[in-house]
Amino acid sequence: MVGMRKVILIIRFMTNNYTHILVTIKKIAAISLFFTHNLFALQIGDIAPDFDASTSLGKLNFYNWSGNNWVILFSHPSDFTPVCTTELAEVAKLQPHFEKRDVKVLALSSGSVADHLEWIPHINEFKNSLKNNTSLIGIVENLSENTDVRYPIIADEDLSIAMHYGMYHPKAKPNSNSLGSGVKETVRSVFIIDSNKIVQTILVYPKNVGRNFTEIVRIVDALQLSEKHKVSTPANWKMGDPVIVSNDIPTEDIKDKYDTKEVDIFQNYLKLIDQPDFFESSEKSKDRSRGGFK
């Protein structure tokens, strides 16, 4: 009888405190999510996390696949969507430029491998419709390049890789379908990762804004130039423009170190020189200098 009373008391206690316990559990989960997404978010200078993935080109291990190359890992919200189709088509068109820079490209979304494979012909068709704005020499050279989608597209259906890389932003709109049901999609993230697996650049775009991949190529050029010559690039820098010399180098040593004739000194902390290893004269020789920093 006493034992029965204890059981009844325990049941009453649990019933009366169920709501309180549930609220406490939710608070703990929210705090855990906050720390996961904010305190431990991937940052520039971090080692890029390794992962195994199913892709449009089969299974891969990220570290083994990337080898000693630089990598552009970028996410898109969903397959068979307009902005994403234009983006992946642009990346396909730029594949020869990435390859010249020893850069591998890897796309990611929550779509399935089957969806990726069905979608890729649409991407290639749109890519073939794009006008080529490069020089005549560039157009002739590109005719011999295979610019159909040759890079893998990860099928991250459970968003496990996206979570590791902070690609999933649940508050980013649109986050529901036409019926009002919630959808779990990545935003448009870009990670530029060097040959040592170190994150060098992180870009995040909203779902409704397509990325400028020409700018991403420019960032790769600037990073590789900086790595090789220990220089920095000024605002709006493009290939062939002057670069900034580190203040660690004495002014009197700059000409010898960089084999340059002039040093433009605007302040004692701002010194510019011609870009090292840049070939002037023809457009073709300029193009050869692009990606020549490895």
C-alpha atoms as a PDB file:
ATOM      1  CA  MET A   1       0.000   0.000   0.000  1.00  0.00           C
ATOM      2  CA  VAL A   2       2.838   2.323   0.916  1.00  0.00           C
ATOM      3  CA  GLY A   3       4.603   1.427  -2.294  1.00  0.00           C
ATOM      4  CA  MET A   4       1.477   2.236  -4.300  1.00  0.00           C
ATOM      5  CA  ARG A   5       1.211   5.657  -2.677  1.00  0.00           C
ATOM      6  CA  LYS A   6       4.840   6.406  -3.618  1.00  0.00           C
ATOM      7  CA  VAL A   7       4.137   5.514  -7.226  1.00  0.00           C
ATOM      8  CA  ILE A   8       1.053   7.784  -7.255  1.00  0.00           C
ATOM      9  CA  LEU A   9       3.069  10.640  -5.738  1.00  0.00           C
ATOM     10  CA  ILE A  10       5.836  10.217  -8.331  1.00  0.00           C
ATOM     11  CA  ILE A  11       3.286  10.229 -11.158  1.00  0.00           C
ATOM     12  CA  ARG A  12       1.656  13.374  -9.761  1.00  0.00           C
ATOM     13  CA  PHE A  13       5.057  15.068  -9.459  1.00  0.00           C
ATOM     14  CA  MET A  14       6.018  14.213 -13.024  1.00  0.00           C
ATOM     15  CA  THR A  15       2.621  15.357 -14.335  1.00  0.00           C
ATOM     16  CA  ASN A  16       2.809  18.678 -12.491  1.00  0.00           C
ATOM     17  CA  ASN A  17       6.384  19.317 -13.579  1.00  0.00           C
ATOM     18  CA  TYR A  18       6.255  17.947 -17.120  1.00  0.00           C
ATOM     19  CA  THR A  19       5.892  21.383 -18.718  1.00  0.00           C
ATOM     20  CA  HIS A  20       8.748  22.776 -16.633  1.00  0.00           C
ATOM     21  CA  ILE A  21      10.998  19.851 -17.554  1.00  0.00           C
ATOM     22  CA  LEU A  22      10.108  20.202 -21.253  1.00  0.00           C
ATOM     23  CA  VAL A  23      10.866  23.941 -21.216  1.00  0.00           C
ATOM     24  CA  THR A  24      14.219  23.254 -19.532  1.00  0.00           C
ATOM     25  CA  ILE A  25      15.151  20.667 -22.177  1.00  0.00           C
ATOM     26  CA  LYS A  26      14.259  23.124 -24.961  1.00  0.00           C
ATOM     27  CA  LYS A  27      16.377  25.829 -23.336  1.00  0.00           C
ATOM     28  CA  ILE A  28      19.360  23.471 -23.111  1.00  0.00           C
ATOM     29  CA  ALA A  29      18.906  22.522 -26.783  1.00  0.00           C
ATOM     30  CA  ALA A  30      18.708  26.207 -27.802  1.00  0.00           C
ATOM     31  CA  ILE A  31      21.856  27.064 -25.842  1.00  0.00           C
ATOM     32  CA  SER A  32      23.663  24.110 -27.412  1.00  0.00           C
ATOM     33  CA  LEU A  33      22.588  25.218 -30.905  1.00  0.00           C
ATOM     34  CA  PHE A  34      23.747  28.788 -30.179  1.00  0.00           C
ATOM     35  CA  PHE A  35      27.223  27.660 -29.186  1.00  0.00           C
ATOM     36  CA  THR A  36      27.451  25.258 -32.112  1.00  0.00           C
ATOM     37  CA  HIS A  37      26.558  27.927 -34.706  1.00  0.00           C
ATOM     38  CA  ASN A  38      28.261  30.937 -33.126  1.00  0.00           C
ATOM     39  CA  LEU A  39      31.107  30.065 -30.800  1.00  0.00           C
ATOM     40  CA  PHE A  40      32.471  27.273 -32.968  1.00  0.00           C
ATOM     41  CA  ALA A  41      31.646  28.658 -36.424  1.00  0.00           C
ATOM     42  CA  LEU A  42      34.319  27.986 -39.021  1.00  0.00           C
ATOM     43  CA  GLN A  43      36.624  30.982 -39.466  1.00  0.00           C
ATOM     44  CA  ILE A  44      39.395  32.150 -41.761  1.00  0.00           C
ATOM     45  CA  GLY A  45      42.614  30.467 -40.635  1.00  0.00           C
ATOM     46  CA  ASP A  46      40.870  27.294 -39.438  1.00  0.00           C
ATOM     47  CA  ILE A  47      41.623  23.875 -40.859  1.00  0.00           C
ATOM     48  CA  ALA A  48      38.778  22.877 -43.185  1.00  0.00           C
ATOM     49  CA  PRO A  49      36.939  19.860 -41.737  1.00  0.00           C
ATOM     50  CA  ASP A  50      37.373  16.558 -43.563  1.00  0.00           C
ATOM     51  CA  PHE A  51      34.298  14.614 -44.674  1.00  0.00           C
ATOM     52  CA  ASP A  52      33.081  11.729 -46.793  1.00  0.00           C
ATOM     53  CA  ALA A  53      30.352  12.454 -49.318  1.00  0.00           C
ATOM     54  CA  SER A  54      28.212  11.019 -52.085  1.00  0.00           C
ATOM     55  CA  THR A  55      28.464  13.166 -55.204  1.00  0.00           C
ATOM     56  CA  SER A  56      27.404  13.316 -58.832  1.00  0.00           C
ATOM     57  CA  LEU A  57      30.785  11.702 -59.649  1.00  0.00           C
ATOM     58  CA  GLY A  58      30.654   9.018 -56.972  1.00  0.00           C
ATOM     59  CA  LYS A  59      31.824   8.843 -53.365  1.00  0.00           C
ATOM     60  CA  LEU A  60      34.777  10.946 -52.233  1.00  0.00           C
ATOM     61  CA  ASN A  61      36.821  11.769 -49.172  1.00  0.00           C
ATOM     62  CA  PHE A  62      37.453  15.518 -49.152  1.00  0.00           C
ATOM     63  CA  TYR A  63      41.117  15.403 -48.094  1.00  0.00           C
ATOM     64  CA  ASN A  64      42.001  12.599 -50.530  1.00  0.00           C
ATOM     65  CA  TRP A  65      40.095  14.218 -53.381  1.00  0.00           C
ATOM     66  CA  SER A  66      41.590  17.690 -52.882  1.00  0.00           C
ATOM     67  CA  GLY A  67      45.174  16.448 -52.556  1.00  0.00           C
ATOM     68  CA  ASN A  68      47.627  19.363 -52.775  1.00  0.00           C
ATOM     69  CA  ASN A  69      45.256  21.607 -54.706  1.00  0.00           C
ATOM     70  CA  TRP A  70      43.391  24.695 -53.641  1.00  0.00           C
ATOM     71  CA  VAL A  71      39.645  24.150 -53.359  1.00  0.00           C
ATOM     72  CA  ILE A  72      36.529  26.254 -53.863  1.00  0.00           C
ATOM     73  CA  LEU A  73      33.721  24.622 -51.887  1.00  0.00           C
ATOM     74  CA  PHE A  74      30.394  26.329 -52.525  1.00  0.00           C
ATOM     75  CA  SER A  75      26.815  25.558 -51.546  1.00  0.00           C
ATOM     76  CA  HIS A  76      23.588  26.302 -53.366  1.00  0.00           C
ATOM     77  CA  PRO A  77      20.058  26.065 -51.938  1.00  0.00           C
ATOM     78  CA  SER A  78      18.442  23.562 -54.275  1.00  0.00           C
ATOM     79  CA  ASP A  79      18.535  21.768 -57.637  1.00  0.00           C
ATOM     80  CA  PHE A  80      16.227  22.777 -60.497  1.00  0.00           C
ATOM     81  CA  THR A  81      16.125  26.387 -59.297  1.00  0.00           C
ATOM     82  CA  PRO A  82      16.819  29.441 -61.494  1.00  0.00           C
ATOM     83  CA  VAL A  83      19.613  31.265 -59.649  1.00  0.00           C
ATOM     84  CA  CYS A  84      21.475  28.038 -58.869  1.00  0.00           C
ATOM     85  CA  THR A  85      21.318  26.949 -62.518  1.00  0.00           C
ATOM     86  CA  THR A  86      22.955  30.193 -63.654  1.00  0.00           C
ATOM     87  CA  GLU A  87      25.654  29.915 -60.959  1.00  0.00           C
ATOM     88  CA  LEU A  88      26.675  26.331 -61.684  1.00  0.00           C
ATOM     89  CA  ALA A  89      26.709  27.135 -65.400  1.00  0.00           C
ATOM     90  CA  GLU A  90      29.108  30.022 -64.763  1.00  0.00           C
ATOM     91  CA  VAL A  91      31.366  27.788 -62.667  1.00  0.00           C
ATOM     92  CA  ALA A  92      31.377  25.202 -65.462  1.00  0.00           C
ATOM     93  CA  LYS A  93      32.430  27.892 -67.953  1.00  0.00           C
ATOM     94  CA  LEU A  94      35.259  28.940 -65.628  1.00  0.00           C
ATOM     95  CA  GLN A  95      36.630  25.423 -65.074  1.00  0.00           C
ATOM     96  CA  PRO A  96      39.689  25.945 -67.336  1.00  0.00           C
ATOM     97  CA  HIS A  97      40.572  29.122 -65.386  1.00  0.00           C
ATOM     98  CA  PHE A  98      40.347  27.307 -62.053  1.00  0.00           C
ATOM     99  CA  GLU A  99      42.449  24.427 -63.378  1.00  0.00           C
ATOM    100  CA  LYS A 100      45.206  26.840 -64.484  1.00  0.00           C
ATOM    101  CA  ARG A 101      45.361  27.990 -60.868  1.00  0.00           C
ATOM    102  CA  ASP A 102      45.488  24.428 -59.438  1.00  0.00           C
ATOM    103  CA  VAL A 103      42.027  24.951 -57.983  1.00  0.00           C
ATOM    104  CA  LYS A 104      39.450  22.173 -57.664  1.00  0.00           C
ATOM    105  CA  VAL A 105      35.761  23.070 -57.490  1.00  0.00           C
ATOM    106  CA  LEU A 106      33.215  21.269 -55.315  1.00  0.00           C
ATOM    107  CA  ALA A 107      29.503  22.154 -55.148  1.00  0.00           C
ATOM    108  CA  LEU A 108      27.012  21.148 -52.431  1.00  0.00           C
ATOM    109  CA  SER A 109      23.276  21.109 -51.836  1.00  0.00           C
ATOM    110  CA  SER A 110      20.702  19.001 -50.010  1.00  0.00           C
ATOM    111  CA  GLY A 111      19.538  17.474 -53.294  1.00  0.00           C
ATOM    112  CA  SER A 112      20.040  13.796 -54.041  1.00  0.00           C
ATOM    113  CA  VAL A 113      22.610  12.335 -56.428  1.00  0.00           C
ATOM    114  CA  ALA A 114      19.745  11.366 -58.745  1.00  0.00           C
ATOM    115  CA  ASP A 115      18.504  14.974 -58.768  1.00  0.00           C
ATOM    116  CA  HIS A 116      22.018  16.289 -59.458  1.00  0.00           C
ATOM    117  CA  LEU A 117      22.452  13.931 -62.421  1.00  0.00           C
ATOM    118  CA  GLU A 118      19.063  14.878 -63.887  1.00  0.00           C
ATOM    119  CA  TRP A 119      19.785  18.596 -63.429  1.00  0.00           C
ATOM    120  CA  ILE A 120      23.316  18.722 -64.899  1.00  0.00           C
ATOM    121  CA  PRO A 121      22.152  18.654 -68.572  1.00  0.00           C
ATOM    122  CA  HIS A 122      20.020  21.734 -67.826  1.00  0.00           C
ATOM    123  CA  ILE A 123      23.100  23.497 -66.416  1.00  0.00           C
ATOM    124  CA  ASN A 124      25.175  22.613 -69.479  1.00  0.00           C
ATOM    125  CA  GLU A 125      22.430  23.784 -71.819  1.00  0.00           C
ATOM    126  CA  PHE A 126      22.204  27.148 -70.075  1.00  0.00           C
ATOM    127  CA  LYS A 127      26.011  27.459 -70.008  1.00  0.00           C
ATOM    128  CA  ASN A 128      26.124  26.950 -73.781  1.00  0.00           C
ATOM    129  CA  SER A 129      23.647  29.813 -74.199  1.00  0.00           C
ATOM    130  CA  LEU A 130      25.877  32.324 -72.396  1.00  0.00           C
ATOM    131  CA  LYS A 131      27.731  34.937 -74.424  1.00  0.00           C
ATOM    132  CA  ASN A 132      31.508  34.801 -74.205  1.00  0.00           C
ATOM    133  CA  ASN A 133      32.866  38.225 -73.239  1.00  0.00           C
ATOM    134  CA  THR A 134      36.551  37.273 -73.415  1.00  0.00           C
ATOM    135  CA  SER A 135      39.004  38.280 -76.137  1.00  0.00           C
ATOM    136  CA  LEU A 136      39.073  36.512 -79.511  1.00  0.00           C
ATOM    137  CA  ILE A 137      42.177  34.581 -78.399  1.00  0.00           C
ATOM    138  CA  GLY A 138      40.324  33.474 -75.271  1.00  0.00           C
ATOM    139  CA  ILE A 139      37.294  32.373 -77.292  1.00  0.00           C
ATOM    140  CA  VAL A 140      39.453  30.282 -79.667  1.00  0.00           C
ATOM    141  CA  GLU A 141      41.298  28.695 -76.735  1.00  0.00           C
ATOM    142  CA  ASN A 142      38.024  27.924 -74.939  1.00  0.00           C
ATOM    143  CA  LEU A 143      36.681  26.079 -77.986  1.00  0.00           C
ATOM    144  CA  SER A 144      39.200  23.314 -77.278  1.00  0.00           C
ATOM    145  CA  GLU A 145      38.235  23.134 -73.571  1.00  0.00           C
ATOM    146  CA  ASN A 146      35.501  20.901 -72.200  1.00  0.00           C
ATOM    147  CA  THR A 147      33.407  23.305 -70.158  1.00  0.00           C
ATOM    148  CA  ASP A 148      30.501  20.984 -69.409  1.00  0.00           C
ATOM    149  CA  VAL A 149      30.039  20.317 -65.682  1.00  0.00           C
ATOM    150  CA  ARG A 150      33.014  18.154 -64.704  1.00  0.00           C
ATOM    151  CA  TYR A 151      33.184  19.074 -61.035  1.00  0.00           C
ATOM    152  CA  PRO A 152      31.394  16.972 -58.385  1.00  0.00           C
ATOM    153  CA  ILE A 153      28.166  18.111 -56.711  1.00  0.00           C
ATOM    154  CA  ILE A 154      27.734  16.806 -53.161  1.00  0.00           C
ATOM    155  CA  ALA A 155      24.404  15.292 -52.143  1.00  0.00           C
ATOM    156  CA  ASP A 156      24.241  16.505 -48.535  1.00  0.00           C
ATOM    157  CA  GLU A 157      20.682  15.329 -47.919  1.00  0.00           C
ATOM    158  CA  ASP A 158      20.914  15.467 -44.113  1.00  0.00           C
ATOM    159  CA  LEU A 159      22.921  18.744 -44.192  1.00  0.00           C
ATOM    160  CA  SER A 160      25.624  17.169 -42.007  1.00  0.00           C
ATOM    161  CA  ILE A 161      28.453  18.686 -44.063  1.00  0.00           C
ATOM    162  CA  ALA A 162      26.600  22.008 -44.347  1.00  0.00           C
ATOM    163  CA  MET A 163      26.297  22.133 -40.547  1.00  0.00           C
ATOM    164  CA  HIS A 164      30.047  21.597 -40.102  1.00  0.00           C
ATOM    165  CA  TYR A 165      30.763  24.468 -42.488  1.00  0.00           C
ATOM    166  CA  GLY A 166      28.007  26.813 -41.279  1.00  0.00           C
ATOM    167  CA  MET A 167      26.210  26.769 -44.634  1.00  0.00           C
ATOM    168  CA  TYR A 168      22.746  26.294 -43.143  1.00  0.00           C
ATOM    169  CA  HIS A 169      21.104  29.516 -41.946  1.00  0.00           C
ATOM    170  CA  PRO A 170      17.592  28.570 -40.793  1.00  0.00           C
ATOM    171  CA  LYS A 171      16.345  32.183 -40.696  1.00  0.00           C
ATOM    172  CA  ALA A 172      17.405  32.946 -44.279  1.00  0.00           C
ATOM    173  CA  LYS A 173      14.377  33.544 -46.508  1.00  0.00           C
ATOM    174  CA  PRO A 174      12.699  31.828 -48.218  1.00  0.00           C
ATOM    175  CA  ASN A 175      12.679  29.036 -45.639  1.00  0.00           C
ATOM    176  CA  SER A 176       9.289  27.545 -46.516  1.00  0.00           C
ATOM    177  CA  ASN A 177       7.671  26.157 -49.657  1.00  0.00           C
ATOM    178  CA  SER A 178       4.507  27.323 -51.437  1.00  0.00           C
ATOM    179  CA  LEU A 179       2.403  25.303 -48.994  1.00  0.00           C
ATOM    180  CA  GLY A 180       4.001  26.977 -45.992  1.00  0.00           C
ATOM    181  CA  SER A 181       5.972  23.932 -44.906  1.00  0.00           C
ATOM    182  CA  GLY A 182       9.505  24.523 -43.673  1.00  0.00           C
ATOM    183  CA  VAL A 183      12.413  23.669 -45.979  1.00  0.00           C
ATOM    184  CA  LYS A 184      16.014  23.018 -44.985  1.00  0.00           C
ATOM    185  CA  GLU A 185      18.315  24.540 -47.591  1.00  0.00           C
ATOM    186  CA  THR A 186      21.797  25.989 -47.521  1.00  0.00           C
ATOM    187  CA  VAL A 187      22.536  29.619 -48.286  1.00  0.00           C
ATOM    188  CA  ARG A 188      25.077  30.550 -50.963  1.00  0.00           C
ATOM    189  CA  SER A 189      28.339  30.011 -49.075  1.00  0.00           C
ATOM    190  CA  VAL A 190      31.829  29.976 -50.587  1.00  0.00           C
ATOM    191  CA  PHE A 191      34.973  28.625 -48.919  1.00  0.00           C
ATOM    192  CA  ILE A 192      38.344  29.154 -50.583  1.00  0.00           C
ATOM    193  CA  ILE A 193      40.717  26.601 -49.061  1.00  0.00           C
ATOM    194  CA  ASP A 194      44.451  26.510 -49.745  1.00  0.00           C
ATOM    195  CA  SER A 195      46.654  23.489 -50.456  1.00  0.00           C
ATOM    196  CA  ASN A 196      47.322  23.061 -46.714  1.00  0.00           C
ATOM    197  CA  LYS A 197      43.560  22.698 -46.058  1.00  0.00           C
ATOM    198  CA  ILE A 198      43.441  26.146 -44.382  1.00  0.00           C
ATOM    199  CA  VAL A 199      40.352  28.286 -44.949  1.00  0.00           C
ATOM    200  CA  GLN A 200      41.513  31.493 -46.637  1.00  0.00           C
ATOM    201  CA  THR A 201      38.215  33.154 -47.579  1.00  0.00           C
ATOM    202  CA  ILE A 202      34.572  32.824 -46.523  1.00  0.00           C
ATOM    203  CA  LEU A 203      31.770  34.457 -48.516  1.00  0.00           C
ATOM    204  CA  VAL A 204      28.051  34.213 -47.727  1.00  0.00           C
ATOM    205  CA  TYR A 205      25.306  35.358 -50.094  1.00  0.00           C
ATOM    206  CA  PRO A 206      21.531  35.238 -49.527  1.00  0.00           C
ATOM    207  CA  LYS A 207      19.415  32.782 -51.478  1.00  0.00           C
ATOM    208  CA  ASN A 208      18.045  35.385 -53.900  1.00  0.00           C
ATOM    209  CA  VAL A 209      21.391  36.906 -54.972  1.00  0.00           C
ATOM    210  CA  GLY A 210      23.635  35.118 -57.451  1.00  0.00           C
ATOM    211  CA  ARG A 211      27.371  35.166 -56.815  1.00  0.00           C
ATOM    212  CA  ASN A 212      30.027  36.964 -58.866  1.00  0.00           C
ATOM    213  CA  PHE A 213      32.397  34.105 -59.728  1.00  0.00           C
ATOM    214  CA  THR A 214      34.733  36.434 -61.609  1.00  0.00           C
ATOM    215  CA  GLU A 215      35.307  38.080 -58.231  1.00  0.00           C
ATOM    216  CA  ILE A 216      36.006  34.660 -56.713  1.00  0.00           C
ATOM    217  CA  VAL A 217      38.673  34.046 -59.378  1.00  0.00           C
ATOM    218  CA  ARG A 218      40.137  37.468 -58.534  1.00  0.00           C
ATOM    219  CA  ILE A 219      40.298  36.522 -54.849  1.00  0.00           C
ATOM    220  CA  VAL A 220      42.135  33.292 -55.711  1.00  0.00           C
ATOM    221  CA  ASP A 221      44.656  35.280 -57.785  1.00  0.00           C
ATOM    222  CA  ALA A 222      45.188  37.736 -54.924  1.00  0.00           C
ATOM    223  CA  LEU A 223      45.617  34.961 -52.348  1.00  0.00           C
ATOM    224  CA  GLN A 224      48.087  33.005 -54.456  1.00  0.00           C
ATOM    225  CA  LEU A 225      50.027  36.145 -55.355  1.00  0.00           C
ATOM    226  CA  SER A 226      50.198  37.108 -51.694  1.00  0.00           C
ATOM    227  CA  GLU A 227      51.306  33.622 -50.678  1.00  0.00           C
ATOM    228  CA  LYS A 228      54.155  33.561 -53.174  1.00  0.00           C
ATOM    229  CA  HIS A 229      55.437  37.146 -52.922  1.00  0.00           C
ATOM    230  CA  LYS A 230      54.320  38.227 -49.427  1.00  0.00           C
ATOM    231  CA  VAL A 231      52.427  41.250 -50.730  1.00  0.00           C
ATOM    232  CA  SER A 232      48.892  42.571 -50.234  1.00  0.00           C
ATOM    233  CA  THR A 233      46.425  43.815 -52.823  1.00  0.00           C
ATOM    234  CA  PRO A 234      44.690  47.228 -52.630  1.00  0.00           C
ATOM    235  CA  ALA A 235      41.009  47.965 -53.116  1.00  0.00           C
ATOM    236  CA  ASN A 236      39.628  46.902 -56.507  1.00  0.00           C
ATOM    237  CA  TRP A 237      42.922  45.241 -57.449  1.00  0.00           C
ATOM    238  CA  LYS A 238      42.984  43.260 -60.660  1.00  0.00           C
ATOM    239  CA  MET A 239      45.696  41.316 -62.427  1.00  0.00           C
ATOM    240  CA  GLY A 240      48.588  43.608 -63.371  1.00  0.00           C
ATOM    241  CA  ASP A 241      47.780  46.402 -60.915  1.00  0.00           C
ATOM    242  CA  PRO A 242      50.320  47.618 -58.315  1.00  0.00           C
ATOM    243  CA  VAL A 243      50.492  45.741 -55.020  1.00  0.00           C
ATOM    244  CA  ILE A 244      51.262  46.770 -51.444  1.00  0.00           C
ATOM    245  CA  VAL A 245      54.577  45.883 -49.803  1.00  0.00           C
ATOM    246  CA  SER A 246      54.705  44.747 -46.191  1.00  0.00           C
ATOM    247  CA  ASN A 247      55.920  47.316 -43.681  1.00  0.00           C
ATOM    248  CA  ASP A 248      58.213  44.627 -42.274  1.00  0.00           C
ATOM    249  CA  ILE A 249      60.499  45.201 -45.254  1.00  0.00           C
ATOM    250  CA  PRO A 250      62.781  48.247 -44.926  1.00  0.00           C
ATOM    251  CA  THR A 251      62.142  50.782 -47.669  1.00  0.00           C
ATOM    252  CA  GLU A 252      65.750  50.638 -48.836  1.00  0.00           C
ATOM    253  CA  ASP A 253      65.466  46.848 -49.410  1.00  0.00           C
ATOM    254  CA  ILE A 254      62.270  46.838 -51.463  1.00  0.00           C
ATOM    255  CA  LYS A 255      63.801  47.414 -54.919  1.00  0.00           C
ATOM    256  CA  ASP A 256      66.313  44.576 -54.550  1.00  0.00           C
ATOM    257  CA  LYS A 257      63.860  42.146 -52.967  1.00  0.00           C
ATOM    258  CA  TYR A 258      61.219  42.591 -55.667  1.00  0.00           C
ATOM    259  CA  ASP A 259      63.529  43.468 -58.570  1.00  0.00           C
ATOM    260  CA  THR A 260      61.559  46.640 -59.230  1.00  0.00           C
ATOM    261  CA  LYS A 261      62.680  50.050 -60.433  1.00  0.00           C
ATOM    262  CA  GLU A 262      60.246  52.195 -58.484  1.00  0.00           C
ATOM    263  CA  VAL A 263      58.519  52.265 -55.108  1.00  0.00           C
ATOM    264  CA  ASP A 264      55.548  54.586 -54.734  1.00  0.00           C
ATOM    265  CA  ILE A 265      55.468  55.822 -51.136  1.00  0.00           C
ATOM    266  CA  PHE A 266      52.235  57.560 -50.135  1.00  0.00           C
ATOM    267  CA  GLN A 267      52.827  57.279 -46.401  1.00  0.00           C
ATOM    268  CA  ASN A 268      55.453  55.427 -44.431  1.00  0.00           C
ATOM    269  CA  TYR A 269      52.857  52.636 -43.989  1.00  0.00           C
ATOM    270  CA  LEU A 270      51.610  52.541 -47.623  1.00  0.00           C
ATOM    271  CA  LYS A 271      54.134  51.552 -50.304  1.00  0.00           C
ATOM    272  CA  LEU A 272      53.203  50.271 -53.754  1.00  0.00           C
ATOM    273  CA  ILE A 273      55.228  48.437 -56.385  1.00  0.00           C
ATOM    274  CA  ASP A 274      54.456  46.875 -59.765  1.00  0.00           C
ATOM    275  CA  GLN A 275      52.991  43.391 -59.507  1.00  0.00           C
ATOM    276  CA  PRO A 276      55.786  40.798 -59.429  1.00  0.00           C
ATOM    277  CA  ASP A 277      55.871  38.232 -62.243  1.00  0.00           C
ATOM    278  CA  PHE A 278      53.378  40.103 -64.381  1.00  0.00           C
ATOM    279  CA  PHE A 279      53.949  39.947 -68.131  1.00  0.00           C
ATOM    280  CA  GLU A 280      52.940  43.132 -69.888  1.00  0.00           C
ATOM    281  CA  SER A 281      52.391  43.794 -73.623  1.00  0.00           C
ATOM    282  CA  SER A 282      49.848  41.523 -75.323  1.00  0.00           C
ATOM    283  CA  GLU A 283      46.595  40.240 -73.853  1.00  0.00           C
ATOM    284  CA  LYS A 284      47.790  36.684 -74.428  1.00  0.00           C
ATOM    285  CA  SER A 285      50.938  37.166 -72.362  1.00  0.00           C
ATOM    286  CA  LYS A 286      48.832  38.812 -69.659  1.00  0.00           C
ATOM    287  CA  ASP A 287      46.578  35.783 -69.685  1.00  0.00           C
ATOM    288  CA  ARG A 288      49.597  33.493 -69.264  1.00  0.00           C
ATOM    289  CA  SER A 289      50.509  35.333 -66.076  1.00  0.00           C
ATOM    290  CA  ARG A 290      47.114  34.592 -64.541  1.00  0.00           C
ATOM    291  CA  GLY A 291      47.367  31.753 -62.088  1.00  0.00           C
ATOM    292  CA  GLY A 292      51.145  31.638 -62.458  1.00  0.00           C
ATOM    293  CA  PHE A 293      51.887  32.012 -58.788  1.00  0.00           C
ATOM    294  CA  LYS A 294      52.128  28.337 -57.775  1.00  0.00           C
END
